Amino acid sequence: MTFLHTNPLFGRLDGAQRILVAGAGGGFDVYAGLPVALSLQHQGKEVHLANLSFTELTALPLDDWVAENLAAVTPGSVLPGDYFPERTLARWLDLHGRPSTVYAFPRTGVLPLRDAYRALIDRHDIDAVVLVDGGTDILMRGDEAGLGTPEEDMTSVAALAALEEVRVRLVVSVGFGVDAYHGVNHVQVLENIAALERDGGYLGAFSISRASREGALYLDAVEHARRHTPDHPSIVNGSIAAAVRGEFGDVRFTERTKGSELFVNPLMSLCFVVELPALAARCLYLDRIEETHLMRQVHSRIAEFRDTVITRPPRRFPH
């Protein structure tokens, strides 16, 4: 039993001392975990950051690899090109005098990713993991009208679901609505959250406030990333940041959204918190991707599952 005045996420993490905050879906997902990570640091916790990376990490020097499929990215990590969200974040952290190593996982299947997570957990004696998704497609169970881009998200969920030695494993989804562009029906997102509530796996929600120290630093980090990755700024974090600033509607913050209409709104700043084992238990195809080694295997097995399932019809918001 909890109390209404306690934050559901931080109440669950109260007894943890060494916490890993990891981006589930690649790209800039780790940025969506920054408000949580910064708040935990402000509480005196030891926090480590990691991300499933879209960058071609094989070009990193051997010294940057601390285990198989696990790179320790620092402000000085050398890699061609500007698109390297983990290094960009490491440099922002360094500018603010904070621990500046951001761990990166290459895009693999479940088994290698699980081994890499286990190596990182052992390296820092992690006692809690917060997996963060910029968006809501991580909350899809498989029979919805559209799944968004589930491959990386659910590979991360499956990798951590079996690591029962970690006492606390949570999922935070922030950016409600951003996955509409990828075909996610957000009435079905709400339906899934309600089902998790009935199962005892939903811990509630809270919003990122621009008036908080963590919210202000998050806005600064997103703007820093936009300046230093001008050709590939994060649409997801740009949308969340716009919502945190109080902007509304078709907000234009990058040419990448040219030709599409955004609907930035206050719901995008909400962080929905669920228990990772409960989320994994509801996924209808997690067993199919369990033995994968490559991301393309994950993709093909999800596609095979979708060919066998009768999907729930999409629903419109009634008001």
C-alpha atoms as a PDB file:
ATOM      1  CA  MET A   1       0.000   0.000   0.000  1.00  0.00           C
ATOM      2  CA  THR A   2       1.326   3.450  -0.945  1.00  0.00           C
ATOM      3  CA  PHE A   3       0.212   6.976  -0.103  1.00  0.00           C
ATOM      4  CA  LEU A   4      -1.308   9.445  -2.524  1.00  0.00           C
ATOM      5  CA  HIS A   5       1.269  12.105  -1.712  1.00  0.00           C
ATOM      6  CA  THR A   6       4.228   9.878  -2.723  1.00  0.00           C
ATOM      7  CA  ASN A   7       5.502   9.663  -6.289  1.00  0.00           C
ATOM      8  CA  PRO A   8       4.832   6.094  -7.536  1.00  0.00           C
ATOM      9  CA  LEU A   9       8.162   5.680  -9.287  1.00  0.00           C
ATOM     10  CA  PHE A  10      10.412   7.080  -6.589  1.00  0.00           C
ATOM     11  CA  GLY A  11       8.471   5.340  -3.864  1.00  0.00           C
ATOM     12  CA  ARG A  12       9.198   2.032  -5.585  1.00  0.00           C
ATOM     13  CA  LEU A  13      12.890   2.944  -5.863  1.00  0.00           C
ATOM     14  CA  ASP A  14      13.213   4.182  -2.299  1.00  0.00           C
ATOM     15  CA  GLY A  15      15.253   1.191  -1.117  1.00  0.00           C
ATOM     16  CA  ALA A  16      17.545   1.062  -4.175  1.00  0.00           C
ATOM     17  CA  GLN A  17      20.983   2.675  -4.095  1.00  0.00           C
ATOM     18  CA  ARG A  18      22.535   1.851  -7.491  1.00  0.00           C
ATOM     19  CA  ILE A  19      20.101   2.396 -10.329  1.00  0.00           C
ATOM     20  CA  LEU A  20      20.424   1.905 -14.073  1.00  0.00           C
ATOM     21  CA  VAL A  21      18.267   4.181 -16.254  1.00  0.00           C
ATOM     22  CA  ALA A  22      18.240   2.820 -19.803  1.00  0.00           C
ATOM     23  CA  GLY A  23      16.682   3.891 -23.095  1.00  0.00           C
ATOM     24  CA  ALA A  24      14.625   1.029 -24.480  1.00  0.00           C
ATOM     25  CA  GLY A  25      14.097   1.869 -28.112  1.00  0.00           C
ATOM     26  CA  GLY A  26      17.295   3.312 -29.469  1.00  0.00           C
ATOM     27  CA  GLY A  27      18.057   6.771 -30.808  1.00  0.00           C
ATOM     28  CA  PHE A  28      17.515   9.460 -28.182  1.00  0.00           C
ATOM     29  CA  ASP A  29      15.382   7.320 -25.831  1.00  0.00           C
ATOM     30  CA  VAL A  30      17.920   7.707 -23.037  1.00  0.00           C
ATOM     31  CA  TYR A  31      17.173  11.459 -23.029  1.00  0.00           C
ATOM     32  CA  ALA A  32      13.575  10.661 -22.058  1.00  0.00           C
ATOM     33  CA  GLY A  33      15.009   9.072 -18.913  1.00  0.00           C
ATOM     34  CA  LEU A  34      17.023  12.144 -17.923  1.00  0.00           C
ATOM     35  CA  PRO A  35      14.417  13.732 -15.603  1.00  0.00           C
ATOM     36  CA  VAL A  36      14.179  10.469 -13.651  1.00  0.00           C
ATOM     37  CA  ALA A  37      17.953   9.960 -13.591  1.00  0.00           C
ATOM     38  CA  LEU A  38      18.623  13.540 -12.455  1.00  0.00           C
ATOM     39  CA  SER A  39      16.019  13.334  -9.717  1.00  0.00           C
ATOM     40  CA  LEU A  40      17.562  10.114  -8.435  1.00  0.00           C
ATOM     41  CA  GLN A  41      20.992  11.762  -8.421  1.00  0.00           C
ATOM     42  CA  HIS A  42      19.575  14.694  -6.470  1.00  0.00           C
ATOM     43  CA  GLN A  43      18.366  12.160  -3.890  1.00  0.00           C
ATOM     44  CA  GLY A  44      21.936  10.912  -3.470  1.00  0.00           C
ATOM     45  CA  LYS A  45      21.512   7.708  -5.486  1.00  0.00           C
ATOM     46  CA  GLU A  46      24.238   6.266  -7.695  1.00  0.00           C
ATOM     47  CA  VAL A  47      22.808   6.421 -11.219  1.00  0.00           C
ATOM     48  CA  HIS A  48      24.130   4.940 -14.447  1.00  0.00           C
ATOM     49  CA  LEU A  49      22.809   5.648 -17.936  1.00  0.00           C
ATOM     50  CA  ALA A  50      22.586   3.285 -20.908  1.00  0.00           C
ATOM     51  CA  ASN A  51      20.909   3.165 -24.298  1.00  0.00           C
ATOM     52  CA  LEU A  52      20.136   0.722 -27.055  1.00  0.00           C
ATOM     53  CA  SER A  53      22.007   2.522 -29.813  1.00  0.00           C
ATOM     54  CA  PHE A  54      21.171   3.224 -33.455  1.00  0.00           C
ATOM     55  CA  THR A  55      24.766   4.327 -34.027  1.00  0.00           C
ATOM     56  CA  GLU A  56      27.206   2.004 -35.798  1.00  0.00           C
ATOM     57  CA  LEU A  57      29.209   1.229 -32.669  1.00  0.00           C
ATOM     58  CA  THR A  58      31.581  -1.235 -34.334  1.00  0.00           C
ATOM     59  CA  ALA A  59      33.757   1.720 -35.350  1.00  0.00           C
ATOM     60  CA  LEU A  60      34.509   2.554 -31.704  1.00  0.00           C
ATOM     61  CA  PRO A  61      38.061   1.874 -30.461  1.00  0.00           C
ATOM     62  CA  LEU A  62      38.583  -1.399 -28.598  1.00  0.00           C
ATOM     63  CA  ASP A  63      39.273   0.510 -25.371  1.00  0.00           C
ATOM     64  CA  ASP A  64      35.660   1.745 -25.325  1.00  0.00           C
ATOM     65  CA  TRP A  65      34.296  -1.811 -25.049  1.00  0.00           C
ATOM     66  CA  VAL A  66      33.982  -3.039 -21.470  1.00  0.00           C
ATOM     67  CA  ALA A  67      32.202  -6.310 -22.299  1.00  0.00           C
ATOM     68  CA  GLU A  68      30.765  -8.035 -25.341  1.00  0.00           C
ATOM     69  CA  ASN A  69      28.053  -5.799 -26.851  1.00  0.00           C
ATOM     70  CA  LEU A  70      28.627  -3.163 -24.160  1.00  0.00           C
ATOM     71  CA  ALA A  71      30.434   0.096 -24.927  1.00  0.00           C
ATOM     72  CA  ALA A  72      31.294   2.804 -22.386  1.00  0.00           C
ATOM     73  CA  VAL A  73      30.785   6.067 -24.272  1.00  0.00           C
ATOM     74  CA  THR A  74      32.528   9.149 -22.900  1.00  0.00           C
ATOM     75  CA  PRO A  75      32.733  12.783 -24.059  1.00  0.00           C
ATOM     76  CA  GLY A  76      35.955  11.881 -25.867  1.00  0.00           C
ATOM     77  CA  SER A  77      34.737   8.768 -27.653  1.00  0.00           C
ATOM     78  CA  VAL A  78      35.791   8.884 -31.301  1.00  0.00           C
ATOM     79  CA  LEU A  79      33.325   7.964 -34.032  1.00  0.00           C
ATOM     80  CA  PRO A  80      32.800   9.517 -37.485  1.00  0.00           C
ATOM     81  CA  GLY A  81      29.784  11.747 -38.031  1.00  0.00           C
ATOM     82  CA  ASP A  82      27.565  13.910 -35.842  1.00  0.00           C
ATOM     83  CA  TYR A  83      24.830  11.370 -35.052  1.00  0.00           C
ATOM     84  CA  PHE A  84      25.918   9.767 -31.785  1.00  0.00           C
ATOM     85  CA  PRO A  85      23.264  10.508 -29.123  1.00  0.00           C
ATOM     86  CA  GLU A  86      25.164   8.674 -26.384  1.00  0.00           C
ATOM     87  CA  ARG A  87      28.285  10.807 -26.908  1.00  0.00           C
ATOM     88  CA  THR A  88      26.220  13.984 -27.225  1.00  0.00           C
ATOM     89  CA  LEU A  89      24.593  13.207 -23.887  1.00  0.00           C
ATOM     90  CA  ALA A  90      27.981  12.356 -22.337  1.00  0.00           C
ATOM     91  CA  ARG A  91      29.266  15.789 -23.395  1.00  0.00           C
ATOM     92  CA  TRP A  92      26.198  17.533 -21.935  1.00  0.00           C
ATOM     93  CA  LEU A  93      26.654  15.665 -18.657  1.00  0.00           C
ATOM     94  CA  ASP A  94      30.320  16.668 -18.605  1.00  0.00           C
ATOM     95  CA  LEU A  95      29.396  20.327 -19.183  1.00  0.00           C
ATOM     96  CA  HIS A  96      27.229  20.154 -16.059  1.00  0.00           C
ATOM     97  CA  GLY A  97      29.862  18.449 -13.936  1.00  0.00           C
ATOM     98  CA  ARG A  98      28.004  15.129 -13.720  1.00  0.00           C
ATOM     99  CA  PRO A  99      29.244  11.556 -14.234  1.00  0.00           C
ATOM    100  CA  SER A 100      29.578  11.464 -18.005  1.00  0.00           C
ATOM    101  CA  THR A 101      29.773   7.830 -19.073  1.00  0.00           C
ATOM    102  CA  VAL A 102      26.762   6.623 -21.088  1.00  0.00           C
ATOM    103  CA  TYR A 103      26.755   2.907 -21.846  1.00  0.00           C
ATOM    104  CA  ALA A 104      25.606   1.806 -25.300  1.00  0.00           C
ATOM    105  CA  PHE A 105      24.273  -1.516 -26.555  1.00  0.00           C
ATOM    106  CA  PRO A 106      24.360  -2.359 -30.274  1.00  0.00           C
ATOM    107  CA  ARG A 107      21.128  -3.487 -31.942  1.00  0.00           C
ATOM    108  CA  THR A 108      21.146  -7.226 -31.275  1.00  0.00           C
ATOM    109  CA  GLY A 109      18.576  -9.873 -30.455  1.00  0.00           C
ATOM    110  CA  VAL A 110      17.397 -10.742 -26.970  1.00  0.00           C
ATOM    111  CA  LEU A 111      20.105 -13.187 -25.869  1.00  0.00           C
ATOM    112  CA  PRO A 112      23.174 -10.981 -26.558  1.00  0.00           C
ATOM    113  CA  LEU A 113      21.408  -7.933 -25.146  1.00  0.00           C
ATOM    114  CA  ARG A 114      20.535  -9.834 -21.982  1.00  0.00           C
ATOM    115  CA  ASP A 115      24.182 -10.841 -21.552  1.00  0.00           C
ATOM    116  CA  ALA A 116      25.268  -7.232 -22.045  1.00  0.00           C
ATOM    117  CA  TYR A 117      22.730  -6.018 -19.480  1.00  0.00           C
ATOM    118  CA  ARG A 118      23.938  -8.678 -17.048  1.00  0.00           C
ATOM    119  CA  ALA A 119      27.551  -7.537 -17.549  1.00  0.00           C
ATOM    120  CA  LEU A 120      26.582  -3.921 -16.847  1.00  0.00           C
ATOM    121  CA  ILE A 121      24.494  -4.880 -13.821  1.00  0.00           C
ATOM    122  CA  ASP A 122      27.373  -6.920 -12.409  1.00  0.00           C
ATOM    123  CA  ARG A 123      29.886  -4.162 -13.169  1.00  0.00           C
ATOM    124  CA  HIS A 124      28.080  -1.649 -10.951  1.00  0.00           C
ATOM    125  CA  ASP A 125      26.181  -3.973  -8.609  1.00  0.00           C
ATOM    126  CA  ILE A 126      22.896  -2.524  -9.878  1.00  0.00           C
ATOM    127  CA  ASP A 127      19.875  -3.137  -7.645  1.00  0.00           C
ATOM    128  CA  ALA A 128      17.174  -1.466  -9.771  1.00  0.00           C
ATOM    129  CA  VAL A 129      16.590  -0.838 -13.491  1.00  0.00           C
ATOM    130  CA  VAL A 130      14.327   1.810 -15.007  1.00  0.00           C
ATOM    131  CA  LEU A 131      13.711   1.151 -18.702  1.00  0.00           C
ATOM    132  CA  VAL A 132      12.473   4.283 -20.466  1.00  0.00           C
ATOM    133  CA  ASP A 133      10.602   4.603 -23.746  1.00  0.00           C
ATOM    134  CA  GLY A 134      10.125   7.905 -25.515  1.00  0.00           C
ATOM    135  CA  GLY A 135       6.608   7.129 -26.699  1.00  0.00           C
ATOM    136  CA  THR A 136       4.008   4.542 -25.780  1.00  0.00           C
ATOM    137  CA  ASP A 137       4.569   1.639 -28.173  1.00  0.00           C
ATOM    138  CA  ILE A 138       6.415  -0.232 -25.421  1.00  0.00           C
ATOM    139  CA  LEU A 139       2.959  -0.656 -23.815  1.00  0.00           C
ATOM    140  CA  MET A 140       1.584  -2.582 -26.819  1.00  0.00           C
ATOM    141  CA  ARG A 141       0.976  -6.300 -26.210  1.00  0.00           C
ATOM    142  CA  GLY A 142       0.773  -7.407 -29.848  1.00  0.00           C
ATOM    143  CA  ASP A 143      -2.876  -7.577 -30.905  1.00  0.00           C
ATOM    144  CA  GLU A 144      -3.466  -3.849 -31.297  1.00  0.00           C
ATOM    145  CA  ALA A 145      -4.362  -2.208 -34.605  1.00  0.00           C
ATOM    146  CA  GLY A 146      -0.792  -0.894 -34.870  1.00  0.00           C
ATOM    147  CA  LEU A 147       2.338  -1.636 -32.845  1.00  0.00           C
ATOM    148  CA  GLY A 148       4.465   1.365 -33.775  1.00  0.00           C
ATOM    149  CA  THR A 149       8.129   0.298 -33.832  1.00  0.00           C
ATOM    150  CA  PRO A 150       8.232  -2.507 -31.262  1.00  0.00           C
ATOM    151  CA  GLU A 151      11.425  -4.360 -32.174  1.00  0.00           C
ATOM    152  CA  GLU A 152      13.943  -2.508 -30.005  1.00  0.00           C
ATOM    153  CA  ASP A 153      11.505  -1.800 -27.177  1.00  0.00           C
ATOM    154  CA  MET A 154      10.410  -5.392 -26.760  1.00  0.00           C
ATOM    155  CA  THR A 155      13.930  -6.759 -27.202  1.00  0.00           C
ATOM    156  CA  SER A 156      14.879  -4.598 -24.208  1.00  0.00           C
ATOM    157  CA  VAL A 157      11.844  -5.767 -22.223  1.00  0.00           C
ATOM    158  CA  ALA A 158      12.551  -9.426 -23.006  1.00  0.00           C
ATOM    159  CA  ALA A 159      16.242  -9.059 -22.145  1.00  0.00           C
ATOM    160  CA  LEU A 160      15.443  -7.648 -18.697  1.00  0.00           C
ATOM    161  CA  ALA A 161      12.406  -9.821 -17.978  1.00  0.00           C
ATOM    162  CA  ALA A 162      14.604 -12.843 -17.253  1.00  0.00           C
ATOM    163  CA  LEU A 163      17.041 -10.967 -14.967  1.00  0.00           C
ATOM    164  CA  GLU A 164      15.115 -11.776 -11.821  1.00  0.00           C
ATOM    165  CA  GLU A 165      18.191 -11.188  -9.681  1.00  0.00           C
ATOM    166  CA  VAL A 166      17.469  -7.450 -10.041  1.00  0.00           C
ATOM    167  CA  ARG A 167      14.840  -6.805  -7.402  1.00  0.00           C
ATOM    168  CA  VAL A 168      13.189  -3.771  -9.000  1.00  0.00           C
ATOM    169  CA  ARG A 169      12.613  -3.490 -12.758  1.00  0.00           C
ATOM    170  CA  LEU A 170      10.314  -0.716 -13.957  1.00  0.00           C
ATOM    171  CA  VAL A 171       9.232   0.752 -17.281  1.00  0.00           C
ATOM    172  CA  VAL A 172       8.551   4.459 -17.785  1.00  0.00           C
ATOM    173  CA  SER A 173       6.681   5.583 -20.899  1.00  0.00           C
ATOM    174  CA  VAL A 174       6.729   9.325 -21.655  1.00  0.00           C
ATOM    175  CA  GLY A 175       5.433  11.090 -24.752  1.00  0.00           C
ATOM    176  CA  PHE A 176       1.790  10.037 -24.975  1.00  0.00           C
ATOM    177  CA  GLY A 177       0.627  10.636 -28.544  1.00  0.00           C
ATOM    178  CA  VAL A 178       3.953  10.799 -30.377  1.00  0.00           C
ATOM    179  CA  ASP A 179       3.554   7.276 -31.772  1.00  0.00           C
ATOM    180  CA  ALA A 180       0.369   8.159 -33.665  1.00  0.00           C
ATOM    181  CA  TYR A 181       2.686   8.857 -36.605  1.00  0.00           C
ATOM    182  CA  HIS A 182       3.676   5.157 -36.495  1.00  0.00           C
ATOM    183  CA  GLY A 183       0.101   3.892 -36.381  1.00  0.00           C
ATOM    184  CA  VAL A 184      -0.419   3.488 -32.621  1.00  0.00           C
ATOM    185  CA  ASN A 185      -4.029   3.918 -31.512  1.00  0.00           C
ATOM    186  CA  HIS A 186      -3.807   5.693 -28.162  1.00  0.00           C
ATOM    187  CA  VAL A 187      -7.226   4.573 -26.980  1.00  0.00           C
ATOM    188  CA  GLN A 188      -5.696   1.086 -27.037  1.00  0.00           C
ATOM    189  CA  VAL A 189      -2.714   2.433 -25.062  1.00  0.00           C
ATOM    190  CA  LEU A 190      -5.144   3.544 -22.363  1.00  0.00           C
ATOM    191  CA  GLU A 191      -6.924   0.187 -22.543  1.00  0.00           C
ATOM    192  CA  ASN A 192      -3.597  -1.578 -21.976  1.00  0.00           C
ATOM    193  CA  ILE A 193      -2.746   0.658 -19.022  1.00  0.00           C
ATOM    194  CA  ALA A 194      -6.152  -0.133 -17.503  1.00  0.00           C
ATOM    195  CA  ALA A 195      -5.426  -3.869 -17.906  1.00  0.00           C
ATOM    196  CA  LEU A 196      -2.059  -3.413 -16.192  1.00  0.00           C
ATOM    197  CA  GLU A 197      -3.857  -1.629 -13.352  1.00  0.00           C
ATOM    198  CA  ARG A 198      -6.185  -4.615 -12.929  1.00  0.00           C
ATOM    199  CA  ASP A 199      -3.148  -6.932 -12.899  1.00  0.00           C
ATOM    200  CA  GLY A 200      -1.422  -4.811 -10.236  1.00  0.00           C
ATOM    201  CA  GLY A 201       1.346  -3.769 -12.633  1.00  0.00           C
ATOM    202  CA  TYR A 202       0.513  -0.086 -13.115  1.00  0.00           C
ATOM    203  CA  LEU A 203       2.069   2.279 -10.582  1.00  0.00           C
ATOM    204  CA  GLY A 204       0.503   5.535 -11.735  1.00  0.00           C
ATOM    205  CA  ALA A 205       1.762   8.615 -13.559  1.00  0.00           C
ATOM    206  CA  PHE A 206       3.433  11.957 -12.947  1.00  0.00           C
ATOM    207  CA  SER A 207       4.395  14.849 -15.197  1.00  0.00           C
ATOM    208  CA  ILE A 208       7.699  16.545 -15.957  1.00  0.00           C
ATOM    209  CA  SER A 209       7.434  20.151 -14.834  1.00  0.00           C
ATOM    210  CA  ARG A 210       9.449  22.998 -16.332  1.00  0.00           C
ATOM    211  CA  ALA A 211       9.421  24.548 -12.836  1.00  0.00           C
ATOM    212  CA  SER A 212      11.430  21.626 -11.433  1.00  0.00           C
ATOM    213  CA  ARG A 213      15.226  21.509 -11.517  1.00  0.00           C
ATOM    214  CA  GLU A 214      15.065  18.217 -13.419  1.00  0.00           C
ATOM    215  CA  GLY A 215      12.586  19.582 -15.952  1.00  0.00           C
ATOM    216  CA  ALA A 216      14.734  22.645 -16.621  1.00  0.00           C
ATOM    217  CA  LEU A 217      17.855  20.511 -17.076  1.00  0.00           C
ATOM    218  CA  TYR A 218      15.966  18.161 -19.404  1.00  0.00           C
ATOM    219  CA  LEU A 219      14.941  21.099 -21.589  1.00  0.00           C
ATOM    220  CA  ASP A 220      18.560  22.247 -21.682  1.00  0.00           C
ATOM    221  CA  ALA A 221      19.800  18.767 -22.635  1.00  0.00           C
ATOM    222  CA  VAL A 222      17.267  18.433 -25.470  1.00  0.00           C
ATOM    223  CA  GLU A 223      18.223  21.856 -26.843  1.00  0.00           C
ATOM    224  CA  HIS A 224      21.913  20.962 -26.575  1.00  0.00           C
ATOM    225  CA  ALA A 225      21.266  17.757 -28.537  1.00  0.00           C
ATOM    226  CA  ARG A 226      19.309  19.681 -31.186  1.00  0.00           C
ATOM    227  CA  ARG A 227      22.195  22.091 -31.700  1.00  0.00           C
ATOM    228  CA  HIS A 228      24.802  19.360 -31.895  1.00  0.00           C
ATOM    229  CA  THR A 229      22.794  16.952 -34.038  1.00  0.00           C
ATOM    230  CA  PRO A 230      21.303  19.447 -36.515  1.00  0.00           C
ATOM    231  CA  ASP A 231      20.551  16.906 -39.264  1.00  0.00           C
ATOM    232  CA  HIS A 232      18.836  14.350 -36.998  1.00  0.00           C
ATOM    233  CA  PRO A 233      17.217  16.084 -34.006  1.00  0.00           C
ATOM    234  CA  SER A 234      14.922  13.947 -31.879  1.00  0.00           C
ATOM    235  CA  ILE A 235      11.275  14.423 -32.864  1.00  0.00           C
ATOM    236  CA  VAL A 236      10.141  12.486 -29.796  1.00  0.00           C
ATOM    237  CA  ASN A 237      12.127  14.485 -27.252  1.00  0.00           C
ATOM    238  CA  GLY A 238      11.470  17.698 -29.174  1.00  0.00           C
ATOM    239  CA  SER A 239       7.739  17.025 -28.800  1.00  0.00           C
ATOM    240  CA  ILE A 240       8.041  16.144 -25.106  1.00  0.00           C
ATOM    241  CA  ALA A 241      10.172  19.235 -24.459  1.00  0.00           C
ATOM    242  CA  ALA A 242       7.646  21.438 -26.267  1.00  0.00           C
ATOM    243  CA  ALA A 243       4.885  19.998 -24.079  1.00  0.00           C
ATOM    244  CA  VAL A 244       6.962  20.621 -20.936  1.00  0.00           C
ATOM    245  CA  ARG A 245       7.370  24.252 -22.043  1.00  0.00           C
ATOM    246  CA  GLY A 246       3.584  24.562 -22.319  1.00  0.00           C
ATOM    247  CA  GLU A 247       3.388  24.740 -26.110  1.00  0.00           C
ATOM    248  CA  PHE A 248       0.353  23.311 -27.866  1.00  0.00           C
ATOM    249  CA  GLY A 249      -0.734  22.039 -31.262  1.00  0.00           C
ATOM    250  CA  ASP A 250       1.346  21.930 -34.438  1.00  0.00           C
ATOM    251  CA  VAL A 251       4.630  23.084 -32.895  1.00  0.00           C
ATOM    252  CA  ARG A 252       7.482  23.385 -35.390  1.00  0.00           C
ATOM    253  CA  PHE A 253      10.938  22.707 -33.892  1.00  0.00           C
ATOM    254  CA  THR A 254      12.657  20.842 -36.750  1.00  0.00           C
ATOM    255  CA  GLU A 255      12.422  20.592 -40.530  1.00  0.00           C
ATOM    256  CA  ARG A 256      12.138  16.812 -40.084  1.00  0.00           C
ATOM    257  CA  THR A 257       8.430  17.249 -39.302  1.00  0.00           C
ATOM    258  CA  LYS A 258       7.767  19.337 -42.414  1.00  0.00           C
ATOM    259  CA  GLY A 259       4.640  18.123 -44.199  1.00  0.00           C
ATOM    260  CA  SER A 260       3.107  16.506 -41.115  1.00  0.00           C
ATOM    261  CA  GLU A 261       0.889  17.996 -38.428  1.00  0.00           C
ATOM    262  CA  LEU A 262       1.932  17.537 -34.810  1.00  0.00           C
ATOM    263  CA  PHE A 263      -0.386  17.656 -31.816  1.00  0.00           C
ATOM    264  CA  VAL A 264       1.817  18.711 -28.920  1.00  0.00           C
ATOM    265  CA  ASN A 265      -0.210  18.773 -25.701  1.00  0.00           C
ATOM    266  CA  PRO A 266       0.196  18.422 -21.911  1.00  0.00           C
ATOM    267  CA  LEU A 267      -0.312  14.636 -21.986  1.00  0.00           C
ATOM    268  CA  MET A 268       3.097  14.303 -23.691  1.00  0.00           C
ATOM    269  CA  SER A 269       4.852  15.322 -20.470  1.00  0.00           C
ATOM    270  CA  LEU A 270       3.201  12.520 -18.473  1.00  0.00           C
ATOM    271  CA  CYS A 271       5.378   9.614 -17.311  1.00  0.00           C
ATOM    272  CA  PHE A 272       3.397   6.351 -17.049  1.00  0.00           C
ATOM    273  CA  VAL A 273       5.083   3.842 -14.714  1.00  0.00           C
ATOM    274  CA  VAL A 274       4.594   0.063 -14.872  1.00  0.00           C
ATOM    275  CA  GLU A 275       6.286  -3.003 -13.437  1.00  0.00           C
ATOM    276  CA  LEU A 276       8.451  -4.569 -16.148  1.00  0.00           C
ATOM    277  CA  PRO A 277       7.594  -8.210 -15.268  1.00  0.00           C
ATOM    278  CA  ALA A 278       3.880  -7.384 -15.489  1.00  0.00           C
ATOM    279  CA  LEU A 279       4.362  -5.720 -18.879  1.00  0.00           C
ATOM    280  CA  ALA A 280       6.395  -8.690 -20.134  1.00  0.00           C
ATOM    281  CA  ALA A 281       3.734 -11.137 -18.947  1.00  0.00           C
ATOM    282  CA  ARG A 282       1.097  -9.389 -21.055  1.00  0.00           C
ATOM    283  CA  CYS A 283       3.103  -9.412 -24.289  1.00  0.00           C
ATOM    284  CA  LEU A 284       1.611 -12.049 -26.586  1.00  0.00           C
ATOM    285  CA  TYR A 285       4.771 -12.730 -28.608  1.00  0.00           C
ATOM    286  CA  LEU A 286       7.615 -12.367 -26.105  1.00  0.00           C
ATOM    287  CA  ASP A 287       8.274 -16.115 -26.170  1.00  0.00           C
ATOM    288  CA  ARG A 288       8.752 -15.949 -29.939  1.00  0.00           C
ATOM    289  CA  ILE A 289      11.649 -13.481 -29.721  1.00  0.00           C
ATOM    290  CA  GLU A 290      13.258 -15.076 -26.632  1.00  0.00           C
ATOM    291  CA  GLU A 291      15.948 -17.065 -28.472  1.00  0.00           C
ATOM    292  CA  THR A 292      16.945 -14.356 -30.963  1.00  0.00           C
ATOM    293  CA  HIS A 293      20.512 -13.246 -31.586  1.00  0.00           C
ATOM    294  CA  LEU A 294      19.908 -10.622 -34.287  1.00  0.00           C
ATOM    295  CA  MET A 295      17.499  -7.696 -34.506  1.00  0.00           C
ATOM    296  CA  ARG A 296      16.309  -8.885 -37.915  1.00  0.00           C
ATOM    297  CA  GLN A 297      15.189 -12.115 -36.263  1.00  0.00           C
ATOM    298  CA  VAL A 298      13.126 -10.081 -33.800  1.00  0.00           C
ATOM    299  CA  HIS A 299      11.564  -8.190 -36.698  1.00  0.00           C
ATOM    300  CA  SER A 300      10.667 -11.326 -38.656  1.00  0.00           C
ATOM    301  CA  ARG A 301       9.213 -13.160 -35.642  1.00  0.00           C
ATOM    302  CA  ILE A 302       6.995 -10.237 -34.723  1.00  0.00           C
ATOM    303  CA  ALA A 303       5.835 -10.096 -38.344  1.00  0.00           C
ATOM    304  CA  GLU A 304       5.104 -13.848 -38.277  1.00  0.00           C
ATOM    305  CA  PHE A 305       3.094 -13.410 -35.083  1.00  0.00           C
ATOM    306  CA  ARG A 306       1.102 -10.547 -36.590  1.00  0.00           C
ATOM    307  CA  ASP A 307       0.128 -12.824 -39.476  1.00  0.00           C
ATOM    308  CA  THR A 308      -1.559 -15.197 -37.022  1.00  0.00           C
ATOM    309  CA  VAL A 309      -3.422 -12.789 -34.746  1.00  0.00           C
ATOM    310  CA  ILE A 310      -6.826 -11.135 -35.045  1.00  0.00           C
ATOM    311  CA  THR A 311      -6.150  -7.521 -34.165  1.00  0.00           C
ATOM    312  CA  ARG A 312      -8.342  -5.366 -31.966  1.00  0.00           C
ATOM    313  CA  PRO A 313     -10.046  -2.682 -34.079  1.00  0.00           C
ATOM    314  CA  PRO A 314      -8.829   0.875 -33.443  1.00  0.00           C
ATOM    315  CA  ARG A 315     -11.121   3.139 -31.452  1.00  0.00           C
ATOM    316  CA  ARG A 316     -11.630   6.893 -31.463  1.00  0.00           C
ATOM    317  CA  PHE A 317     -11.612   9.037 -28.351  1.00  0.00           C
ATOM    318  CA  PRO A 318     -15.291   9.545 -27.467  1.00  0.00           C
ATOM    319  CA  HIS A 319     -14.807  13.167 -26.446  1.00  0.00           C
END
